[in-house]
PDB file of N, CA and C in Angstrom:
ATOM      1  N   MET A   1     106.754  10.464-136.604  1.00  0.00           N
ATOM      2  CA  MET A   1     105.491   9.911-136.092  1.00  0.00           C
ATOM      3  C   MET A   1     105.817   8.634-135.353  1.00  0.00           C
ATOM      4  N   LYS A   2     106.550   7.825-135.877  1.00  0.00           N
ATOM      5  CA  LYS A   2     106.928   6.651-135.233  1.00  0.00           C
ATOM      6  C   LYS A   2     107.557   6.805-133.871  1.00  0.00           C
ATOM      7  N   ASN A   3     108.521   7.846-133.751  1.00  0.00           N
ATOM      8  CA  ASN A   3     109.118   8.142-132.538  1.00  0.00           C
ATOM      9  C   ASN A   3     108.047   8.661-131.560  1.00  0.00           C
ATOM     10  N   LEU A   4     107.104   9.388-131.972  1.00  0.00           N
ATOM     11  CA  LEU A   4     106.104   9.925-131.040  1.00  0.00           C
ATOM     12  C   LEU A   4     105.227   8.758-130.501  1.00  0.00           C
ATOM     13  N   ILE A   5     104.918   7.799-131.318  1.00  0.00           N
ATOM     14  CA  ILE A   5     104.124   6.658-130.830  1.00  0.00           C
ATOM     15  C   ILE A   5     104.974   5.843-129.771  1.00  0.00           C
ATOM     16  N   ILE A   6     106.183   5.631-130.113  1.00  0.00           N
ATOM     17  CA  ILE A   6     107.079   4.888-129.143  1.00  0.00           C
ATOM     18  C   ILE A   6     107.199   5.660-127.848  1.00  0.00           C
ATOM     19  N   SER A   7     107.416   6.972-127.937  1.00  0.00           N
ATOM     20  CA  SER A   7     107.500   7.714-126.674  1.00  0.00           C
ATOM     21  C   SER A   7     106.261   7.653-125.794  1.00  0.00           C
ATOM     22  N   ILE A   8     105.034   7.693-126.519  1.00  0.00           N
ATOM     23  CA  ILE A   8     103.798   7.615-125.768  1.00  0.00           C
ATOM     24  C   ILE A   8     103.694   6.208-125.056  1.00  0.00           C
ATOM     25  N   ILE A   9     104.037   5.194-125.726  1.00  0.00           N
ATOM     26  CA  ILE A   9     104.032   3.836-125.196  1.00  0.00           C
ATOM     27  C   ILE A   9     104.934   3.813-124.064  1.00  0.00           C
ATOM     28  N   ILE A  10     106.133   4.271-124.186  1.00  0.00           N
ATOM     29  CA  ILE A  10     107.123   4.201-123.055  1.00  0.00           C
ATOM     30  C   ILE A  10     106.557   4.977-121.875  1.00  0.00           C
ATOM     31  N   LEU A  11     105.968   6.186-122.074  1.00  0.00           N
ATOM     32  CA  LEU A  11     105.494   6.945-120.954  1.00  0.00           C
ATOM     33  C   LEU A  11     104.385   6.249-120.347  1.00  0.00           C
ATOM     34  N   MET A  12     103.508   5.679-121.039  1.00  0.00           N
ATOM     35  CA  MET A  12     102.339   4.981-120.421  1.00  0.00           C
ATOM     36  C   MET A  12     102.811   3.725-119.665  1.00  0.00           C
ATOM     37  N   THR A  13     103.838   3.067-120.174  1.00  0.00           N
ATOM     38  CA  THR A  13     104.364   1.886-119.566  1.00  0.00           C
ATOM     39  C   THR A  13     105.017   2.136-118.226  1.00  0.00           C
ATOM     40  N   PHE A  14     105.766   3.254-118.180  1.00  0.00           N
ATOM     41  CA  PHE A  14     106.576   3.492-116.993  1.00  0.00           C
ATOM     42  C   PHE A  14     106.049   4.624-116.126  1.00  0.00           C
ATOM     43  N   SER A  15     105.018   5.320-116.488  1.00  0.00           N
ATOM     44  CA  SER A  15     104.477   6.401-115.662  1.00  0.00           C
ATOM     45  C   SER A  15     103.813   5.843-114.365  1.00  0.00           C
ATOM     46  N   PRO A  16     104.064   6.467-113.276  1.00  0.00           N
ATOM     47  CA  PRO A  16     103.411   5.991-112.056  1.00  0.00           C
ATOM     48  C   PRO A  16     101.886   6.175-112.068  1.00  0.00           C
ATOM     49  N   GLU A  17     101.222   5.208-111.650  1.00  0.00           N
ATOM     50  CA  GLU A  17      99.726   5.304-111.605  1.00  0.00           C
ATOM     51  C   GLU A  17      99.348   6.105-110.389  1.00  0.00           C
ATOM     52  N   LYS A  18      98.195   6.787-110.487  1.00  0.00           N
ATOM     53  CA  LYS A  18      97.734   7.480-109.369  1.00  0.00           C
ATOM     54  C   LYS A  18      97.241   6.537-108.319  1.00  0.00           C
ATOM     55  N   GLU A  19      97.492   6.870-107.040  1.00  0.00           N
ATOM     56  CA  GLU A  19      96.950   5.881-106.047  1.00  0.00           C
ATOM     57  C   GLU A  19      95.499   6.140-105.833  1.00  0.00           C
ATOM     58  N   ASN A  20      94.835   5.035-105.627  1.00  0.00           N
ATOM     59  CA  ASN A  20      93.407   5.152-105.321  1.00  0.00           C
ATOM     60  C   ASN A  20      93.208   5.120-103.789  1.00  0.00           C
ATOM     61  N   ASN A  21      92.894   6.310-103.209  1.00  0.00           N
ATOM     62  CA  ASN A  21      92.699   6.433-101.790  1.00  0.00           C
ATOM     63  C   ASN A  21      91.439   5.911-101.239  1.00  0.00           C
ATOM     64  N   TYR A  22      90.593   5.303-102.121  1.00  0.00           N
ATOM     65  CA  TYR A  22      89.290   4.924-101.630  1.00  0.00           C
ATOM     66  C   TYR A  22      89.456   3.615-100.737  1.00  0.00           C
ATOM     67  N   GLN A  23      88.729   3.681 -99.624  1.00  0.00           N
ATOM     68  CA  GLN A  23      88.776   2.598 -98.691  1.00  0.00           C
ATOM     69  C   GLN A  23      87.333   2.176 -98.409  1.00  0.00           C
ATOM     70  N   GLU A  24      87.041   0.873 -98.563  1.00  0.00           N
ATOM     71  CA  GLU A  24      85.814   0.382 -98.208  1.00  0.00           C
ATOM     72  C   GLU A  24      85.598   0.533 -96.748  1.00  0.00           C
ATOM     73  N   ARG A  25      84.425   1.115 -96.313  1.00  0.00           N
ATOM     74  CA  ARG A  25      84.186   1.317 -94.901  1.00  0.00           C
ATOM     75  C   ARG A  25      83.052   0.344 -94.503  1.00  0.00           C
ATOM     76  N   SER A  26      83.166  -0.001 -93.237  1.00  0.00           N
ATOM     77  CA  SER A  26      82.192  -0.843 -92.739  1.00  0.00           C
ATOM     78  C   SER A  26      81.232  -0.177 -91.752  1.00  0.00           C
ATOM     79  N   ASP A  27      81.575   1.076 -91.392  1.00  0.00           N
ATOM     80  CA  ASP A  27      80.667   1.864 -90.587  1.00  0.00           C
ATOM     81  C   ASP A  27      80.910   3.380 -90.759  1.00  0.00           C
ATOM     82  N   TYR A  28      79.891   3.958 -91.420  1.00  0.00           N
ATOM     83  CA  TYR A  28      79.945   5.401 -91.681  1.00  0.00           C
ATOM     84  C   TYR A  28      79.434   6.128 -90.437  1.00  0.00           C
ATOM     85  N   VAL A  29      78.853   5.427 -89.451  1.00  0.00           N
ATOM     86  CA  VAL A  29      78.371   6.048 -88.292  1.00  0.00           C
ATOM     87  C   VAL A  29      79.106   5.351 -87.072  1.00  0.00           C
ATOM     88  N   PRO A  30      80.338   5.722 -86.863  1.00  0.00           N
ATOM     89  CA  PRO A  30      81.146   4.822 -85.948  1.00  0.00           C
ATOM     90  C   PRO A  30      80.940   4.966 -84.386  1.00  0.00           C
ATOM     91  N   ASN A  31      80.304   6.132 -84.004  1.00  0.00           N
ATOM     92  CA  ASN A  31      80.124   6.292 -82.525  1.00  0.00           C
ATOM     93  C   ASN A  31      78.919   7.156 -82.232  1.00  0.00           C
ATOM     94  N   GLU A  32      78.593   7.221 -80.906  1.00  0.00           N
ATOM     95  CA  GLU A  32      77.363   7.929 -80.434  1.00  0.00           C
ATOM     96  C   GLU A  32      77.331   9.425 -80.878  1.00  0.00           C
ATOM     97  N   GLU A  33      78.453  10.031 -80.829  1.00  0.00           N
ATOM     98  CA  GLU A  33      78.681  11.448 -81.167  1.00  0.00           C
ATOM     99  C   GLU A  33      78.146  11.718 -82.630  1.00  0.00           C
ATOM    100  N   THR A  34      78.632  10.830 -83.527  1.00  0.00           N
ATOM    101  CA  THR A  34      78.244  10.934 -84.946  1.00  0.00           C
ATOM    102  C   THR A  34      76.777  10.703 -85.144  1.00  0.00           C
ATOM    103  N   ALA A  35      76.242   9.684 -84.467  1.00  0.00           N
ATOM    104  CA  ALA A  35      74.914   9.291 -84.540  1.00  0.00           C
ATOM    105  C   ALA A  35      73.982  10.427 -84.113  1.00  0.00           C
ATOM    106  N   ILE A  36      74.350  11.105 -83.045  1.00  0.00           N
ATOM    107  CA  ILE A  36      73.620  12.247 -82.549  1.00  0.00           C
ATOM    108  C   ILE A  36      73.526  13.439 -83.428  1.00  0.00           C
ATOM    109  N   LYS A  37      74.761  13.676 -84.068  1.00  0.00           N
ATOM    110  CA  LYS A  37      74.874  14.754 -85.003  1.00  0.00           C
ATOM    111  C   LYS A  37      73.999  14.600 -86.288  1.00  0.00           C
ATOM    112  N   ILE A  38      73.950  13.348 -86.736  1.00  0.00           N
ATOM    113  CA  ILE A  38      73.169  12.940 -87.867  1.00  0.00           C
ATOM    114  C   ILE A  38      71.660  13.045 -87.478  1.00  0.00           C
ATOM    115  N   ALA A  39      71.346  12.677 -86.309  1.00  0.00           N
ATOM    116  CA  ALA A  39      69.940  12.739 -85.815  1.00  0.00           C
ATOM    117  C   ALA A  39      69.476  14.269 -85.757  1.00  0.00           C
ATOM    118  N   GLU A  40      70.306  15.036 -85.251  1.00  0.00           N
ATOM    119  CA  GLU A  40      70.027  16.556 -85.147  1.00  0.00           C
ATOM    120  C   GLU A  40      69.833  17.063 -86.533  1.00  0.00           C
ATOM    121  N   ALA A  41      70.704  16.638 -87.476  1.00  0.00           N
ATOM    122  CA  ALA A  41      70.567  17.208 -88.829  1.00  0.00           C
ATOM    123  C   ALA A  41      69.217  16.825 -89.497  1.00  0.00           C
ATOM    124  N   ILE A  42      68.722  15.675 -89.062  1.00  0.00           N
ATOM    125  CA  ILE A  42      67.440  15.315 -89.563  1.00  0.00           C
ATOM    126  C   ILE A  42      66.233  15.935 -88.869  1.00  0.00           C
ATOM    127  N   TRP A  43      66.349  15.939 -87.551  1.00  0.00           N
ATOM    128  CA  TRP A  43      65.230  16.418 -86.676  1.00  0.00           C
ATOM    129  C   TRP A  43      64.971  17.920 -86.834  1.00  0.00           C
ATOM    130  N   TYR A  44      66.023  18.739 -86.863  1.00  0.00           N
ATOM    131  CA  TYR A  44      65.770  20.164 -86.835  1.00  0.00           C
ATOM    132  C   TYR A  44      64.928  20.724 -88.015  1.00  0.00           C
ATOM    133  N   PRO A  45      65.274  20.288 -89.253  1.00  0.00           N
ATOM    134  CA  PRO A  45      64.334  20.686 -90.336  1.00  0.00           C
ATOM    135  C   PRO A  45      62.904  20.173 -90.178  1.00  0.00           C
ATOM    136  N   ILE A  46      62.708  19.123 -89.514  1.00  0.00           N
ATOM    137  CA  ILE A  46      61.397  18.470 -89.517  1.00  0.00           C
ATOM    138  C   ILE A  46      60.623  19.040 -88.245  1.00  0.00           C
ATOM    139  N   TYR A  47      61.211  19.087 -87.105  1.00  0.00           N
ATOM    140  CA  TYR A  47      60.534  19.523 -85.816  1.00  0.00           C
ATOM    141  C   TYR A  47      60.922  20.780 -85.359  1.00  0.00           C
ATOM    142  N   GLY A  48      61.973  21.461 -85.867  1.00  0.00           N
ATOM    143  CA  GLY A  48      62.305  22.828 -85.490  1.00  0.00           C
ATOM    144  C   GLY A  48      63.133  22.864 -84.253  1.00  0.00           C
ATOM    145  N   ASN A  49      63.253  24.056 -83.682  1.00  0.00           N
ATOM    146  CA  ASN A  49      64.019  24.215 -82.461  1.00  0.00           C
ATOM    147  C   ASN A  49      63.324  23.637 -81.213  1.00  0.00           C
ATOM    148  N   GLY A  50      62.161  23.241 -81.345  1.00  0.00           N
ATOM    149  CA  GLY A  50      61.522  22.614 -80.203  1.00  0.00           C
ATOM    150  C   GLY A  50      62.096  21.353 -79.650  1.00  0.00           C
ATOM    151  N   ILE A  51      62.984  20.708 -80.526  1.00  0.00           N
ATOM    152  CA  ILE A  51      63.727  19.528 -80.051  1.00  0.00           C
ATOM    153  C   ILE A  51      64.747  19.836 -78.959  1.00  0.00           C
ATOM    154  N   GLU A  52      65.077  21.123 -78.803  1.00  0.00           N
ATOM    155  CA  GLU A  52      65.968  21.672 -77.856  1.00  0.00           C
ATOM    156  C   GLU A  52      65.579  21.154 -76.425  1.00  0.00           C
ATOM    157  N   ASN A  53      64.236  21.173 -76.231  1.00  0.00           N
ATOM    158  CA  ASN A  53      63.571  20.799 -74.975  1.00  0.00           C
ATOM    159  C   ASN A  53      63.859  19.263 -74.668  1.00  0.00           C
ATOM    160  N   SER A  54      64.290  18.542 -75.676  1.00  0.00           N
ATOM    161  CA  SER A  54      64.457  17.015 -75.556  1.00  0.00           C
ATOM    162  C   SER A  54      65.932  16.665 -75.214  1.00  0.00           C
ATOM    163  N   LYS A  55      66.853  17.680 -75.064  1.00  0.00           N
ATOM    164  CA  LYS A  55      68.227  17.338 -74.772  1.00  0.00           C
ATOM    165  C   LYS A  55      68.335  16.992 -73.331  1.00  0.00           C
ATOM    166  N   PRO A  56      69.302  16.061 -73.009  1.00  0.00           N
ATOM    167  CA  PRO A  56      70.294  15.577 -73.833  1.00  0.00           C
ATOM    168  C   PRO A  56      69.725  14.421 -74.692  1.00  0.00           C
ATOM    169  N   PHE A  57      70.330  14.294 -75.851  1.00  0.00           N
ATOM    170  CA  PHE A  57      70.073  13.172 -76.775  1.00  0.00           C
ATOM    171  C   PHE A  57      70.941  11.889 -76.435  1.00  0.00           C
ATOM    172  N   LYS A  58      70.382  10.784 -76.511  1.00  0.00           N
ATOM    173  CA  LYS A  58      71.116   9.656 -76.121  1.00  0.00           C
ATOM    174  C   LYS A  58      71.106   8.653 -77.338  1.00  0.00           C
ATOM    175  N   ALA A  59      72.189   8.066 -77.519  1.00  0.00           N
ATOM    176  CA  ALA A  59      72.324   7.001 -78.601  1.00  0.00           C
ATOM    177  C   ALA A  59      72.773   5.683 -78.116  1.00  0.00           C
ATOM    178  N   ARG A  60      72.217   4.620 -78.690  1.00  0.00           N
ATOM    179  CA  ARG A  60      72.595   3.291 -78.316  1.00  0.00           C
ATOM    180  C   ARG A  60      72.543   2.382 -79.554  1.00  0.00           C
ATOM    181  N   LEU A  61      73.212   1.197 -79.529  1.00  0.00           N
ATOM    182  CA  LEU A  61      73.241   0.375 -80.659  1.00  0.00           C
ATOM    183  C   LEU A  61      72.239  -0.773 -80.419  1.00  0.00           C
ATOM    184  N   ILE A  62      71.485  -1.183 -81.442  1.00  0.00           N
ATOM    185  CA  ILE A  62      70.650  -2.390 -81.380  1.00  0.00           C
ATOM    186  C   ILE A  62      70.908  -3.293 -82.589  1.00  0.00           C
ATOM    187  N   GLU A  63      70.084  -4.375 -82.750  1.00  0.00           N
ATOM    188  CA  GLU A  63      70.198  -5.332 -83.884  1.00  0.00           C
ATOM    189  C   GLU A  63      71.713  -5.673 -84.067  1.00  0.00           C
ATOM    190  N   ASN A  64      72.295  -6.304 -83.102  1.00  0.00           N
ATOM    191  CA  ASN A  64      73.696  -6.785 -83.232  1.00  0.00           C
ATOM    192  C   ASN A  64      74.652  -5.751 -83.603  1.00  0.00           C
ATOM    193  N   ASN A  65      74.495  -4.576 -82.912  1.00  0.00           N
ATOM    194  CA  ASN A  65      75.330  -3.409 -83.179  1.00  0.00           C
ATOM    195  C   ASN A  65      75.417  -2.948 -84.622  1.00  0.00           C
ATOM    196  N   THR A  66      74.192  -2.935 -85.272  1.00  0.00           N
ATOM    197  CA  THR A  66      74.249  -2.528 -86.662  1.00  0.00           C
ATOM    198  C   THR A  66      73.297  -1.302 -86.801  1.00  0.00           C
ATOM    199  N   ILE A  67      72.498  -0.876 -85.882  1.00  0.00           N
ATOM    200  CA  ILE A  67      71.540   0.179 -86.046  1.00  0.00           C
ATOM    201  C   ILE A  67      71.763   1.111 -84.740  1.00  0.00           C
ATOM    202  N   TRP A  68      71.963   2.442 -85.032  1.00  0.00           N
ATOM    203  CA  TRP A  68      71.885   3.407 -83.972  1.00  0.00           C
ATOM    204  C   TRP A  68      70.461   3.846 -83.678  1.00  0.00           C
ATOM    205  N   VAL A  69      70.020   3.863 -82.457  1.00  0.00           N
ATOM    206  CA  VAL A  69      68.789   4.426 -82.022  1.00  0.00           C
ATOM    207  C   VAL A  69      69.248   5.738 -81.283  1.00  0.00           C
ATOM    208  N   VAL A  70      68.701   6.862 -81.641  1.00  0.00           N
ATOM    209  CA  VAL A  70      68.939   8.115 -81.007  1.00  0.00           C
ATOM    210  C   VAL A  70      67.643   8.614 -80.530  1.00  0.00           C
ATOM    211  N   THR A  71      67.503   8.986 -79.223  1.00  0.00           N
ATOM    212  CA  THR A  71      66.246   9.499 -78.638  1.00  0.00           C
ATOM    213  C   THR A  71      66.548  10.805 -77.871  1.00  0.00           C
ATOM    214  N   GLY A  72      65.574  11.504 -77.639  1.00  0.00           N
ATOM    215  CA  GLY A  72      65.498  12.624 -76.785  1.00  0.00           C
ATOM    216  C   GLY A  72      65.198  12.140 -75.324  1.00  0.00           C
ATOM    217  N   THR A  73      65.318  12.961 -74.374  1.00  0.00           N
ATOM    218  CA  THR A  73      64.891  12.695 -72.935  1.00  0.00           C
ATOM    219  C   THR A  73      63.876  13.737 -72.498  1.00  0.00           C
ATOM    220  N   LEU A  74      62.962  13.252 -71.743  1.00  0.00           N
ATOM    221  CA  LEU A  74      61.949  14.149 -71.022  1.00  0.00           C
ATOM    222  C   LEU A  74      62.678  14.783 -69.797  1.00  0.00           C
ATOM    223  N   LYS A  75      62.293  16.012 -69.530  1.00  0.00           N
ATOM    224  CA  LYS A  75      62.885  16.659 -68.436  1.00  0.00           C
ATOM    225  C   LYS A  75      62.360  16.012 -67.157  1.00  0.00           C
ATOM    226  N   LYS A  76      63.079  16.099 -66.040  1.00  0.00           N
ATOM    227  CA  LYS A  76      62.705  15.486 -64.842  1.00  0.00           C
ATOM    228  C   LYS A  76      61.388  16.053 -64.344  1.00  0.00           C
ATOM    229  N   GLY A  77      60.465  15.278 -63.896  1.00  0.00           N
ATOM    230  CA  GLY A  77      59.205  15.656 -63.404  1.00  0.00           C
ATOM    231  C   GLY A  77      58.121  15.824 -64.516  1.00  0.00           C
ATOM    232  N   LYS A  78      58.563  15.776 -65.824  1.00  0.00           N
ATOM    233  CA  LYS A  78      57.680  16.039 -66.902  1.00  0.00           C
ATOM    234  C   LYS A  78      57.117  14.682 -67.299  1.00  0.00           C
ATOM    235  N   THR A  79      55.787  14.528 -67.262  1.00  0.00           N
ATOM    236  CA  THR A  79      55.179  13.193 -67.653  1.00  0.00           C
ATOM    237  C   THR A  79      54.414  13.281 -68.910  1.00  0.00           C
ATOM    238  N   VAL A  80      54.190  14.544 -69.416  1.00  0.00           N
ATOM    239  CA  VAL A  80      53.396  14.655 -70.730  1.00  0.00           C
ATOM    240  C   VAL A  80      54.366  15.159 -71.731  1.00  0.00           C
ATOM    241  N   GLY A  81      54.215  14.737 -72.920  1.00  0.00           N
ATOM    242  CA  GLY A  81      55.076  15.219 -74.084  1.00  0.00           C
ATOM    243  C   GLY A  81      55.926  14.005 -74.581  1.00  0.00           C
ATOM    244  N   GLY A  82      56.503  14.223 -75.724  1.00  0.00           N
ATOM    245  CA  GLY A  82      57.257  13.156 -76.332  1.00  0.00           C
ATOM    246  C   GLY A  82      58.632  13.664 -76.703  1.00  0.00           C
ATOM    247  N   THR A  83      59.387  12.795 -77.262  1.00  0.00           N
ATOM    248  CA  THR A  83      60.823  13.081 -77.654  1.00  0.00           C
ATOM    249  C   THR A  83      60.954  12.512 -79.078  1.00  0.00           C
ATOM    250  N   PRO A  84      61.938  13.176 -79.762  1.00  0.00           N
ATOM    251  CA  PRO A  84      62.272  12.700 -81.142  1.00  0.00           C
ATOM    252  C   PRO A  84      63.045  11.273 -81.020  1.00  0.00           C
ATOM    253  N   TYR A  85      62.784  10.526 -82.074  1.00  0.00           N
ATOM    254  CA  TYR A  85      63.352   9.148 -82.155  1.00  0.00           C
ATOM    255  C   TYR A  85      63.820   8.944 -83.626  1.00  0.00           C
ATOM    256  N   ILE A  86      64.970   8.272 -83.771  1.00  0.00           N
ATOM    257  CA  ILE A  86      65.499   8.003 -85.094  1.00  0.00           C
ATOM    258  C   ILE A  86      66.343   6.673 -85.020  1.00  0.00           C
ATOM    259  N   GLN A  87      66.199   5.907 -86.123  1.00  0.00           N
ATOM    260  CA  GLN A  87      67.080   4.769 -86.347  1.00  0.00           C
ATOM    261  C   GLN A  87      67.955   5.069 -87.431  1.00  0.00           C
ATOM    262  N   ILE A  88      69.244   4.780 -87.306  1.00  0.00           N
ATOM    263  CA  ILE A  88      70.319   5.054 -88.379  1.00  0.00           C
ATOM    264  C   ILE A  88      71.041   3.861 -88.614  1.00  0.00           C
ATOM    265  N   ASN A  89      71.245   3.361 -89.796  1.00  0.00           N
ATOM    266  CA  ASN A  89      72.017   2.204 -90.148  1.00  0.00           C
ATOM    267  C   ASN A  89      73.519   2.574 -89.986  1.00  0.00           C
ATOM    268  N   LYS A  90      74.160   1.882 -89.072  1.00  0.00           N
ATOM    269  CA  LYS A  90      75.632   2.140 -88.821  1.00  0.00           C
ATOM    270  C   LYS A  90      76.495   2.033 -90.028  1.00  0.00           C
ATOM    271  N   LYS A  91      76.253   1.000 -90.866  1.00  0.00           N
ATOM    272  CA  LYS A  91      77.166   0.708 -91.988  1.00  0.00           C
ATOM    273  C   LYS A  91      77.090   1.709 -93.038  1.00  0.00           C
ATOM    274  N   ASP A  92      75.811   2.157 -93.525  1.00  0.00           N
ATOM    275  CA  ASP A  92      75.700   3.082 -94.689  1.00  0.00           C
ATOM    276  C   ASP A  92      74.997   4.345 -94.373  1.00  0.00           C
ATOM    277  N   CYS A  93      74.639   4.590 -93.146  1.00  0.00           N
ATOM    278  CA  CYS A  93      74.067   5.841 -92.716  1.00  0.00           C
ATOM    279  C   CYS A  93      72.575   6.039 -93.204  1.00  0.00           C
ATOM    280  N   ARG A  94      71.950   4.990 -93.601  1.00  0.00           N
ATOM    281  CA  ARG A  94      70.557   5.120 -94.062  1.00  0.00           C
ATOM    282  C   ARG A  94      69.715   5.412 -92.895  1.00  0.00           C
ATOM    283  N   ILE A  95      68.695   6.267 -93.005  1.00  0.00           N
ATOM    284  CA  ILE A  95      67.776   6.619 -92.058  1.00  0.00           C
ATOM    285  C   ILE A  95      66.634   5.586 -92.209  1.00  0.00           C
ATOM    286  N   LEU A  96      66.367   4.777 -91.131  1.00  0.00           N
ATOM    287  CA  LEU A  96      65.432   3.688 -91.121  1.00  0.00           C
ATOM    288  C   LEU A  96      64.027   4.081 -90.634  1.00  0.00           C
ATOM    289  N   GLU A  97      64.056   5.046 -89.617  1.00  0.00           N
ATOM    290  CA  GLU A  97      62.805   5.533 -89.057  1.00  0.00           C
ATOM    291  C   GLU A  97      63.033   6.833 -88.348  1.00  0.00           C
ATOM    292  N   VAL A  98      61.952   7.690 -88.483  1.00  0.00           N
ATOM    293  CA  VAL A  98      61.992   8.987 -87.812  1.00  0.00           C
ATOM    294  C   VAL A  98      60.615   9.213 -87.195  1.00  0.00           C
ATOM    295  N   THR A  99      60.488   9.486 -85.933  1.00  0.00           N
ATOM    296  CA  THR A  99      59.224   9.682 -85.365  1.00  0.00           C
ATOM    297  C   THR A  99      59.519  10.719 -84.169  1.00  0.00           C
ATOM    298  N   HIS A 100      58.284  11.149 -83.650  1.00  0.00           N
ATOM    299  CA  HIS A 100      58.304  12.050 -82.381  1.00  0.00           C
ATOM    300  C   HIS A 100      57.157  11.719 -81.585  1.00  0.00           C
ATOM    301  N   GLY A 101      57.405  11.257 -80.405  1.00  0.00           N
ATOM    302  CA  GLY A 101      56.337  10.856 -79.496  1.00  0.00           C
ATOM    303  C   GLY A 101      55.460  12.075 -79.071  1.00  0.00           C
ATOM    304  N   LYS A 102      54.250  11.760 -78.614  1.00  0.00           N
ATOM    305  CA  LYS A 102      53.354  12.920 -78.138  1.00  0.00           C
ATOM    306  C   LYS A 102      53.083  12.773 -76.650  1.00  0.00           C
TER     307      LYS A 102
END
């Protein structure tokens, strides 16, 4: 029994620890493409395929480059109607606002 305890202590002392691959991230939404994909994932269940008419979607950063704003675009010559709009926190991917103009 004494040898077993000593063996366990030795193994615990000299066994390699598993590496922790976790890295703190400062931006889960690093670029326009990602912001647009997140926006689409939110918009489609809410507004349906009708948002296809609002493509292309455009993304830009506001608030000292901390919030993505993604919007749809109206077709040329179209003066009536609205487009989807979303604000996404760049750092943690929180959805701050979702609307659709009329």
